[in-house]
Amino acid sequence: MRIMLKFVIDCDADAAWRALHSPRAVAELYGPLLQMDPLAAEGLPTSLESGADVPVQLSIAGALPVGRQLIHVSERRVEEADGDVRILRDSGIPLTGPLAALDVWDHQMAVSPAPGDPTRTLWRDRLVIGGAAAPPVARAVGDLAVAGRPHPRPGAVLGARPRPAPEPDPNPRKYI
């Protein structure tokens, strides 16, 4: 199953890219319902670097454990006429708890200068999941992405005011 979000936020693509590498910002993206805590004794790294494996515990509001997850980070760039598209990928996997019934976890977040306005960022988010738990998880993730939020969460995490994305591109990009 595939869950996709696309919107424009009021910060430049460099600021958005830095935030994607911040474990604190990523933890806030899970919120407010889910809390992400480090499993490693040294805590979360200060920055998520390509090749990193970060084990975390997820819980609901810090009280009800949901399970452990391994975040595995990789990144790539794709050149476009409007500027580089930078993609951060978490291809880790849920290790325990209800999400461990998933056998596919591929979360990609792409940032690039917004078309026609390099001071803003086009944010694309794609989560592909598979396995027995995929239908209810997809439904829950989709509900959480829009429930009670007038604007997409990443903009709030970055301190930006999100705006609706431009109309769909007649030539959609195939990389995310």
N, C-alpha and C. Protein backbone atom coordinates (compact mmCIF):
# COMPACT_ATOMS: atom_id res chain seq x y z
N MET A 1 0.84 -1.17 0.00
CA MET A 1 0.00 0.00 0.00
C MET A 1 0.89 1.23 0.00
N ARG A 2 0.39 2.29 -0.61
CA ARG A 2 1.16 3.51 -0.75
C ARG A 2 0.36 4.69 -0.20
N ILE A 3 1.03 5.50 0.62
CA ILE A 3 0.44 6.71 1.18
C ILE A 3 1.31 7.85 0.73
N MET A 4 0.71 8.89 0.13
CA MET A 4 1.51 10.00 -0.41
C MET A 4 0.93 11.33 0.03
N LEU A 5 1.82 12.27 0.33
CA LEU A 5 1.46 13.64 0.64
C LEU A 5 2.33 14.56 -0.22
N LYS A 6 1.77 15.72 -0.60
CA LYS A 6 2.53 16.69 -1.38
C LYS A 6 1.99 18.06 -1.03
N PHE A 7 2.90 18.98 -0.65
CA PHE A 7 2.47 20.33 -0.31
C PHE A 7 3.68 21.26 -0.37
N VAL A 8 3.43 22.55 -0.27
CA VAL A 8 4.47 23.57 -0.30
C VAL A 8 4.54 24.21 1.08
N ILE A 9 5.78 24.43 1.57
CA ILE A 9 5.97 25.09 2.86
C ILE A 9 6.83 26.34 2.69
N ASP A 10 6.66 27.28 3.61
CA ASP A 10 7.35 28.56 3.56
C ASP A 10 8.72 28.51 4.21
N CYS A 11 9.61 27.76 3.67
CA CYS A 11 11.02 27.81 4.03
C CYS A 11 11.78 27.31 2.82
N ASP A 12 13.06 27.62 2.74
CA ASP A 12 13.79 27.16 1.56
C ASP A 12 14.15 25.68 1.69
N ALA A 13 14.50 25.09 0.58
CA ALA A 13 14.75 23.64 0.53
C ALA A 13 15.96 23.25 1.39
N ASP A 14 16.94 24.13 1.55
CA ASP A 14 18.08 23.82 2.40
C ASP A 14 17.66 23.65 3.85
N ALA A 15 16.78 24.53 4.33
CA ALA A 15 16.29 24.42 5.71
C ALA A 15 15.47 23.15 5.89
N ALA A 16 14.65 22.81 4.92
CA ALA A 16 13.85 21.59 5.00
C ALA A 16 14.75 20.36 5.01
N TRP A 17 15.80 20.37 4.19
CA TRP A 17 16.73 19.25 4.12
C TRP A 17 17.46 19.05 5.46
N ARG A 18 17.90 20.15 6.07
CA ARG A 18 18.54 20.06 7.39
C ARG A 18 17.57 19.47 8.41
N ALA A 19 16.32 19.90 8.38
CA ALA A 19 15.34 19.39 9.34
C ALA A 19 15.09 17.89 9.16
N LEU A 20 15.11 17.41 7.93
CA LEU A 20 14.91 15.98 7.69
C LEU A 20 16.01 15.14 8.34
N HIS A 21 17.17 15.72 8.54
CA HIS A 21 18.29 15.00 9.16
C HIS A 21 18.31 15.12 10.68
N SER A 22 17.38 15.86 11.23
CA SER A 22 17.32 16.07 12.67
C SER A 22 16.40 15.04 13.32
N PRO A 23 16.94 14.16 14.18
CA PRO A 23 16.07 13.19 14.86
C PRO A 23 14.96 13.86 15.67
N ARG A 24 15.25 15.03 16.22
CA ARG A 24 14.21 15.74 16.98
C ARG A 24 13.07 16.17 16.08
N ALA A 25 13.39 16.68 14.89
CA ALA A 25 12.34 17.08 13.94
C ALA A 25 11.57 15.85 13.47
N VAL A 26 12.27 14.74 13.21
CA VAL A 26 11.60 13.51 12.79
C VAL A 26 10.67 13.02 13.90
N ALA A 27 11.12 13.11 15.15
CA ALA A 27 10.27 12.70 16.28
C ALA A 27 9.01 13.56 16.34
N GLU A 28 9.15 14.84 16.05
CA GLU A 28 7.98 15.72 16.05
C GLU A 28 7.02 15.38 14.92
N LEU A 29 7.56 14.89 13.79
CA LEU A 29 6.68 14.48 12.69
C LEU A 29 5.78 13.33 13.10
N TYR A 30 6.27 12.46 13.99
CA TYR A 30 5.45 11.36 14.48
C TYR A 30 4.33 11.88 15.38
N GLY A 31 4.58 12.99 16.06
CA GLY A 31 3.65 13.53 17.05
C GLY A 31 2.42 14.14 16.40
N PRO A 32 1.49 14.49 17.22
CA PRO A 32 1.56 14.47 18.67
C PRO A 32 1.18 13.14 19.29
N LEU A 33 0.64 12.24 18.51
CA LEU A 33 0.16 10.98 19.08
C LEU A 33 1.30 10.02 19.42
N LEU A 34 2.22 9.82 18.50
CA LEU A 34 3.31 8.87 18.73
C LEU A 34 4.54 9.58 19.29
N GLN A 35 5.19 8.92 20.23
CA GLN A 35 6.44 9.43 20.79
C GLN A 35 7.55 8.47 20.37
N MET A 36 8.70 9.02 19.98
CA MET A 36 9.84 8.22 19.55
C MET A 36 10.98 8.42 20.54
N ASP A 37 11.45 7.33 21.15
CA ASP A 37 12.54 7.39 22.12
C ASP A 37 13.68 6.49 21.65
N PRO A 38 14.93 6.89 21.92
CA PRO A 38 16.08 6.08 21.49
C PRO A 38 16.18 4.80 22.31
N LEU A 39 16.66 3.75 21.66
CA LEU A 39 16.96 2.50 22.36
C LEU A 39 18.45 2.41 22.70
N ALA A 40 19.29 3.11 21.95
CA ALA A 40 20.73 3.09 22.22
C ALA A 40 21.04 3.91 23.46
N ALA A 41 21.98 3.43 24.26
CA ALA A 41 22.35 4.12 25.50
C ALA A 41 22.82 5.54 25.26
N GLU A 42 23.46 5.79 24.12
CA GLU A 42 23.96 7.13 23.83
C GLU A 42 22.88 8.07 23.31
N GLY A 43 21.66 7.58 23.18
CA GLY A 43 20.55 8.41 22.72
C GLY A 43 20.49 8.52 21.21
N LEU A 44 19.70 9.46 20.73
CA LEU A 44 19.58 9.69 19.30
C LEU A 44 20.81 10.44 18.80
N PRO A 45 21.24 10.16 17.58
CA PRO A 45 22.35 10.94 17.02
C PRO A 45 21.91 12.39 16.82
N THR A 46 22.85 13.29 16.72
CA THR A 46 22.50 14.69 16.49
C THR A 46 22.01 14.91 15.06
N SER A 47 22.42 14.02 14.14
CA SER A 47 22.01 14.13 12.76
C SER A 47 21.86 12.73 12.17
N LEU A 48 20.84 12.53 11.35
CA LEU A 48 20.64 11.25 10.66
C LEU A 48 21.47 11.28 9.38
N GLU A 49 22.54 10.52 9.36
CA GLU A 49 23.43 10.48 8.21
C GLU A 49 23.15 9.25 7.36
N SER A 50 23.46 9.32 6.09
CA SER A 50 23.27 8.19 5.20
C SER A 50 24.04 6.98 5.73
N GLY A 51 23.38 5.83 5.76
CA GLY A 51 23.97 4.61 6.28
C GLY A 51 23.66 4.36 7.75
N ALA A 52 23.09 5.35 8.41
CA ALA A 52 22.80 5.20 9.85
C ALA A 52 21.69 4.18 10.10
N ASP A 53 21.86 3.42 11.17
CA ASP A 53 20.83 2.53 11.69
C ASP A 53 20.50 3.02 13.10
N VAL A 54 19.28 3.46 13.31
CA VAL A 54 18.88 4.05 14.59
C VAL A 54 17.70 3.27 15.15
N PRO A 55 17.92 2.48 16.22
CA PRO A 55 16.80 1.76 16.84
C PRO A 55 16.02 2.68 17.78
N VAL A 56 14.69 2.66 17.67
CA VAL A 56 13.85 3.52 18.50
C VAL A 56 12.67 2.72 19.05
N GLN A 57 12.11 3.23 20.12
CA GLN A 57 10.88 2.70 20.72
C GLN A 57 9.78 3.70 20.39
N LEU A 58 8.67 3.21 19.86
CA LEU A 58 7.52 4.06 19.61
C LEU A 58 6.46 3.76 20.66
N SER A 59 5.80 4.82 21.14
CA SER A 59 4.72 4.65 22.11
C SER A 59 3.64 5.68 21.84
N ILE A 60 2.46 5.38 22.30
CA ILE A 60 1.35 6.32 22.18
C ILE A 60 1.40 7.23 23.39
N ALA A 61 1.59 8.51 23.13
CA ALA A 61 1.66 9.54 24.16
C ALA A 61 2.69 9.21 25.25
N GLY A 62 3.71 8.43 24.91
CA GLY A 62 4.75 8.10 25.87
C GLY A 62 4.34 7.08 26.91
N ALA A 63 3.12 6.55 26.81
CA ALA A 63 2.61 5.66 27.85
C ALA A 63 2.37 4.22 27.38
N LEU A 64 1.84 4.05 26.19
CA LEU A 64 1.49 2.72 25.69
C LEU A 64 2.47 2.32 24.59
N PRO A 65 3.37 1.35 24.87
CA PRO A 65 4.35 0.94 23.85
C PRO A 65 3.67 0.39 22.60
N VAL A 66 4.15 0.83 21.45
CA VAL A 66 3.63 0.36 20.16
C VAL A 66 4.61 -0.62 19.54
N GLY A 67 5.88 -0.51 19.87
CA GLY A 67 6.88 -1.42 19.33
C GLY A 67 8.18 -0.71 19.05
N ARG A 68 9.15 -1.51 18.68
CA ARG A 68 10.47 -1.00 18.33
C ARG A 68 10.62 -0.97 16.82
N GLN A 69 11.39 0.01 16.36
CA GLN A 69 11.59 0.17 14.93
C GLN A 69 13.05 0.51 14.67
N LEU A 70 13.57 -0.01 13.59
CA LEU A 70 14.92 0.34 13.14
C LEU A 70 14.78 1.34 12.01
N ILE A 71 15.34 2.52 12.20
CA ILE A 71 15.36 3.53 11.15
C ILE A 71 16.69 3.35 10.41
N HIS A 72 16.61 3.08 9.11
CA HIS A 72 17.82 2.97 8.28
C HIS A 72 17.77 4.09 7.25
N VAL A 73 18.77 4.95 7.28
CA VAL A 73 18.76 6.17 6.47
C VAL A 73 19.65 6.03 5.24
N SER A 74 19.12 6.48 4.11
CA SER A 74 19.92 6.66 2.90
C SER A 74 19.40 7.92 2.22
N GLU A 75 20.18 8.43 1.29
CA GLU A 75 19.74 9.65 0.61
C GLU A 75 20.26 9.66 -0.81
N ARG A 76 19.59 10.46 -1.62
CA ARG A 76 20.03 10.64 -3.00
C ARG A 76 19.51 11.97 -3.53
N ARG A 77 20.07 12.38 -4.65
CA ARG A 77 19.68 13.62 -5.32
C ARG A 77 19.30 13.33 -6.76
N VAL A 78 18.32 14.08 -7.23
CA VAL A 78 17.90 14.01 -8.62
C VAL A 78 17.91 15.43 -9.15
N GLU A 79 18.57 15.66 -10.27
CA GLU A 79 18.63 17.00 -10.84
C GLU A 79 17.39 17.27 -11.69
N GLU A 80 16.85 18.49 -11.51
CA GLU A 80 15.70 18.95 -12.28
C GLU A 80 15.94 20.38 -12.73
N ALA A 81 15.16 20.86 -13.65
CA ALA A 81 15.30 22.23 -14.14
C ALA A 81 15.07 23.25 -13.03
N ASP A 82 14.14 22.99 -12.10
CA ASP A 82 13.85 23.92 -11.01
C ASP A 82 14.84 23.81 -9.86
N GLY A 83 15.74 22.84 -9.90
CA GLY A 83 16.72 22.65 -8.83
C GLY A 83 16.78 21.20 -8.41
N ASP A 84 17.75 20.90 -7.57
CA ASP A 84 17.93 19.52 -7.09
C ASP A 84 16.76 19.08 -6.23
N VAL A 85 16.38 17.82 -6.39
CA VAL A 85 15.42 17.17 -5.50
C VAL A 85 16.26 16.28 -4.59
N ARG A 86 16.16 16.51 -3.28
CA ARG A 86 16.91 15.72 -2.31
C ARG A 86 15.94 14.79 -1.60
N ILE A 87 16.31 13.51 -1.55
CA ILE A 87 15.41 12.48 -1.04
C ILE A 87 16.07 11.77 0.13
N LEU A 88 15.39 11.78 1.27
CA LEU A 88 15.82 11.04 2.44
C LEU A 88 14.92 9.81 2.53
N ARG A 89 15.54 8.64 2.66
CA ARG A 89 14.80 7.39 2.68
C ARG A 89 15.04 6.64 3.98
N ASP A 90 13.95 6.22 4.61
CA ASP A 90 14.02 5.32 5.76
C ASP A 90 13.52 3.97 5.27
N SER A 91 14.44 3.06 5.10
CA SER A 91 14.07 1.71 4.64
C SER A 91 14.27 0.71 5.78
N GLY A 92 14.19 1.21 7.01
CA GLY A 92 14.26 0.32 8.17
C GLY A 92 13.02 -0.54 8.23
N ILE A 93 12.81 -1.12 9.39
CA ILE A 93 11.68 -2.06 9.51
C ILE A 93 11.20 -2.09 10.96
N PRO A 94 9.89 -2.20 11.15
CA PRO A 94 9.40 -2.42 12.51
C PRO A 94 9.93 -3.75 13.04
N LEU A 95 10.41 -3.75 14.28
CA LEU A 95 11.02 -4.95 14.87
C LEU A 95 10.08 -5.70 15.80
N THR A 96 9.27 -4.97 16.56
CA THR A 96 8.35 -5.60 17.51
C THR A 96 7.02 -4.84 17.49
N GLY A 97 6.03 -5.40 18.14
CA GLY A 97 4.74 -4.73 18.24
C GLY A 97 3.88 -4.97 17.01
N PRO A 98 2.73 -4.32 16.95
CA PRO A 98 1.78 -4.55 15.86
C PRO A 98 2.36 -4.24 14.48
N LEU A 99 3.25 -3.25 14.41
CA LEU A 99 3.81 -2.89 13.11
C LEU A 99 4.78 -3.94 12.57
N ALA A 100 5.23 -4.86 13.43
CA ALA A 100 6.16 -5.91 12.99
C ALA A 100 5.48 -6.86 11.99
N ALA A 101 4.16 -6.80 11.89
CA ALA A 101 3.46 -7.62 10.89
C ALA A 101 3.67 -7.07 9.48
N LEU A 102 4.28 -5.90 9.38
CA LEU A 102 4.61 -5.34 8.06
C LEU A 102 5.90 -5.99 7.57
N ASP A 103 5.92 -6.41 6.31
CA ASP A 103 7.16 -6.95 5.76
C ASP A 103 7.81 -5.99 4.77
N VAL A 104 7.18 -4.85 4.54
CA VAL A 104 7.75 -3.80 3.70
C VAL A 104 7.55 -2.48 4.41
N TRP A 105 8.63 -1.70 4.52
CA TRP A 105 8.58 -0.34 5.05
C TRP A 105 9.54 0.49 4.23
N ASP A 106 9.03 1.41 3.44
CA ASP A 106 9.86 2.27 2.61
C ASP A 106 9.28 3.68 2.68
N HIS A 107 9.91 4.54 3.48
CA HIS A 107 9.44 5.91 3.69
C HIS A 107 10.43 6.86 3.04
N GLN A 108 9.95 7.61 2.04
CA GLN A 108 10.81 8.57 1.35
C GLN A 108 10.21 9.97 1.48
N MET A 109 11.07 10.91 1.84
CA MET A 109 10.67 12.31 1.93
C MET A 109 11.57 13.10 1.01
N ALA A 110 10.95 13.83 0.08
CA ALA A 110 11.71 14.60 -0.92
C ALA A 110 11.44 16.08 -0.74
N VAL A 111 12.50 16.87 -0.83
CA VAL A 111 12.37 18.32 -0.78
C VAL A 111 13.08 18.93 -1.98
N SER A 112 12.48 19.99 -2.50
CA SER A 112 13.07 20.72 -3.63
C SER A 112 12.51 22.13 -3.62
N PRO A 113 13.19 23.05 -4.31
CA PRO A 113 12.62 24.39 -4.41
C PRO A 113 11.23 24.32 -5.05
N ALA A 114 10.31 25.08 -4.50
CA ALA A 114 8.96 25.11 -5.08
C ALA A 114 9.04 25.69 -6.48
N PRO A 115 8.30 25.13 -7.43
CA PRO A 115 8.32 25.67 -8.79
C PRO A 115 7.95 27.15 -8.79
N GLY A 116 8.83 27.96 -9.37
CA GLY A 116 8.57 29.39 -9.48
C GLY A 116 8.90 30.21 -8.24
N ASP A 117 9.28 29.56 -7.13
CA ASP A 117 9.59 30.29 -5.91
C ASP A 117 10.64 29.55 -5.09
N PRO A 118 11.92 29.80 -5.33
CA PRO A 118 12.98 29.07 -4.64
C PRO A 118 13.07 29.38 -3.14
N THR A 119 12.29 30.36 -2.65
CA THR A 119 12.29 30.65 -1.21
C THR A 119 11.35 29.71 -0.46
N ARG A 120 10.60 28.91 -1.20
CA ARG A 120 9.66 27.95 -0.60
C ARG A 120 10.06 26.54 -1.02
N THR A 121 9.52 25.55 -0.32
CA THR A 121 9.89 24.15 -0.55
C THR A 121 8.69 23.32 -0.97
N LEU A 122 8.88 22.55 -2.02
CA LEU A 122 7.91 21.52 -2.38
C LEU A 122 8.31 20.26 -1.61
N TRP A 123 7.43 19.79 -0.74
CA TRP A 123 7.66 18.62 0.12
C TRP A 123 6.83 17.48 -0.41
N ARG A 124 7.47 16.35 -0.66
CA ARG A 124 6.75 15.13 -1.07
C ARG A 124 7.11 14.03 -0.10
N ASP A 125 6.11 13.31 0.33
CA ASP A 125 6.27 12.27 1.35
C ASP A 125 5.57 11.02 0.83
N ARG A 126 6.29 9.91 0.82
CA ARG A 126 5.70 8.65 0.35
C ARG A 126 6.07 7.54 1.31
N LEU A 127 5.06 6.81 1.77
CA LEU A 127 5.27 5.64 2.62
C LEU A 127 4.66 4.44 1.90
N VAL A 128 5.49 3.44 1.65
CA VAL A 128 5.03 2.19 1.06
C VAL A 128 5.17 1.12 2.12
N ILE A 129 4.07 0.44 2.42
CA ILE A 129 4.08 -0.63 3.41
C ILE A 129 3.43 -1.86 2.81
N GLY A 130 3.81 -3.03 3.33
CA GLY A 130 3.22 -4.27 2.86
C GLY A 130 3.20 -5.30 3.97
N GLY A 131 2.36 -6.30 3.81
CA GLY A 131 2.23 -7.34 4.81
C GLY A 131 0.81 -7.39 5.35
N ALA A 132 0.59 -8.31 6.27
CA ALA A 132 -0.75 -8.55 6.80
C ALA A 132 -1.35 -7.31 7.46
N ALA A 133 -0.53 -6.49 8.09
CA ALA A 133 -1.03 -5.32 8.82
C ALA A 133 -1.17 -4.09 7.93
N ALA A 134 -0.81 -4.18 6.66
CA ALA A 134 -0.78 -2.98 5.81
C ALA A 134 -2.12 -2.26 5.72
N PRO A 135 -3.24 -2.92 5.46
CA PRO A 135 -4.50 -2.15 5.33
C PRO A 135 -4.87 -1.35 6.58
N PRO A 136 -4.88 -1.94 7.78
CA PRO A 136 -5.23 -1.10 8.93
C PRO A 136 -4.17 -0.05 9.26
N VAL A 137 -2.90 -0.35 9.02
CA VAL A 137 -1.85 0.63 9.28
C VAL A 137 -2.00 1.80 8.30
N ALA A 138 -2.23 1.51 7.03
CA ALA A 138 -2.40 2.56 6.04
C ALA A 138 -3.58 3.45 6.40
N ARG A 139 -4.65 2.86 6.82
CA ARG A 139 -5.83 3.63 7.22
C ARG A 139 -5.49 4.53 8.40
N ALA A 140 -4.81 3.98 9.41
CA ALA A 140 -4.45 4.76 10.60
C ALA A 140 -3.48 5.89 10.26
N VAL A 141 -2.48 5.60 9.43
CA VAL A 141 -1.51 6.63 9.05
C VAL A 141 -2.21 7.73 8.26
N GLY A 142 -3.07 7.34 7.34
CA GLY A 142 -3.82 8.34 6.58
C GLY A 142 -4.69 9.20 7.46
N ASP A 143 -5.38 8.58 8.41
CA ASP A 143 -6.22 9.33 9.35
C ASP A 143 -5.38 10.28 10.18
N LEU A 144 -4.23 9.81 10.67
CA LEU A 144 -3.36 10.66 11.49
C LEU A 144 -2.79 11.83 10.70
N ALA A 145 -2.56 11.62 9.41
CA ALA A 145 -1.96 12.67 8.58
C ALA A 145 -2.90 13.85 8.41
N VAL A 146 -4.20 13.60 8.50
CA VAL A 146 -5.15 14.69 8.26
C VAL A 146 -6.01 15.02 9.47
N ALA A 147 -6.05 14.16 10.48
CA ALA A 147 -6.96 14.35 11.62
C ALA A 147 -6.65 15.62 12.39
N GLY A 148 -7.59 16.51 12.42
CA GLY A 148 -7.48 17.69 13.25
C GLY A 148 -6.35 18.62 12.90
N ARG A 149 -5.77 18.48 11.73
CA ARG A 149 -4.65 19.34 11.35
C ARG A 149 -5.06 20.17 10.13
N PRO A 150 -5.17 21.49 10.32
CA PRO A 150 -5.52 22.30 9.16
C PRO A 150 -4.39 22.36 8.14
N HIS A 151 -3.14 22.09 8.59
CA HIS A 151 -1.99 22.12 7.70
C HIS A 151 -1.15 20.87 7.93
N PRO A 152 -0.44 20.42 6.92
CA PRO A 152 0.43 19.25 7.11
C PRO A 152 1.47 19.48 8.20
N ARG A 153 1.78 18.46 8.95
CA ARG A 153 2.67 18.55 10.11
C ARG A 153 4.10 19.00 9.79
N PRO A 154 4.74 18.58 8.71
CA PRO A 154 6.12 18.99 8.51
C PRO A 154 6.31 20.50 8.51
N GLY A 155 5.36 21.24 7.98
CA GLY A 155 5.48 22.69 7.98
C GLY A 155 5.52 23.23 9.40
N ALA A 156 4.71 22.67 10.27
CA ALA A 156 4.70 23.12 11.66
C ALA A 156 6.03 22.80 12.33
N VAL A 157 6.59 21.65 12.05
CA VAL A 157 7.87 21.25 12.63
C VAL A 157 8.97 22.20 12.18
N LEU A 158 8.90 22.63 10.95
CA LEU A 158 9.93 23.52 10.41
C LEU A 158 9.66 24.98 10.72
N GLY A 159 8.56 25.26 11.41
CA GLY A 159 8.23 26.64 11.73
C GLY A 159 7.74 27.40 10.52
N ALA A 160 7.22 26.69 9.55
CA ALA A 160 6.75 27.32 8.33
C ALA A 160 5.24 27.20 8.23
N ARG A 161 4.66 28.07 7.43
CA ARG A 161 3.22 28.02 7.21
C ARG A 161 2.98 27.29 5.90
N PRO A 162 2.45 26.05 5.95
CA PRO A 162 2.23 25.31 4.71
C PRO A 162 1.13 25.94 3.85
N ARG A 163 1.27 25.77 2.58
CA ARG A 163 0.25 26.19 1.63
C ARG A 163 -0.07 25.00 0.75
N PRO A 164 -1.24 25.00 0.14
CA PRO A 164 -1.55 23.87 -0.76
C PRO A 164 -0.52 23.77 -1.87
N ALA A 165 -0.28 22.55 -2.30
CA ALA A 165 0.66 22.33 -3.40
C ALA A 165 0.06 22.85 -4.69
N PRO A 166 0.93 23.17 -5.65
CA PRO A 166 0.40 23.59 -6.95
C PRO A 166 -0.38 22.45 -7.59
N GLU A 167 -1.11 22.79 -8.61
CA GLU A 167 -1.88 21.77 -9.33
C GLU A 167 -0.96 20.63 -9.77
N PRO A 168 -1.53 19.42 -9.91
CA PRO A 168 -0.70 18.27 -10.31
C PRO A 168 0.09 18.54 -11.58
N ASP A 169 1.30 18.08 -11.57
CA ASP A 169 2.21 18.22 -12.69
C ASP A 169 1.75 17.31 -13.82
N PRO A 170 1.57 17.84 -15.03
CA PRO A 170 1.16 16.96 -16.14
C PRO A 170 2.23 15.94 -16.50
N ASN A 171 3.48 16.18 -16.06
CA ASN A 171 4.57 15.23 -16.27
C ASN A 171 5.10 14.81 -14.91
N PRO A 172 4.39 13.90 -14.21
CA PRO A 172 4.82 13.55 -12.85
C PRO A 172 6.20 12.92 -12.83
N ARG A 173 6.93 13.20 -11.76
CA ARG A 173 8.27 12.67 -11.59
C ARG A 173 8.18 11.23 -11.10
N LYS A 174 9.04 10.39 -11.57
CA LYS A 174 8.96 8.96 -11.29
C LYS A 174 9.84 8.52 -10.14
N TYR A 175 10.66 9.41 -9.58
CA TYR A 175 11.63 9.01 -8.58
C TYR A 175 11.06 8.90 -7.19
N ILE A 176 9.91 9.43 -6.91
CA ILE A 176 9.29 9.26 -5.59
C ILE A 176 7.81 9.07 -5.73
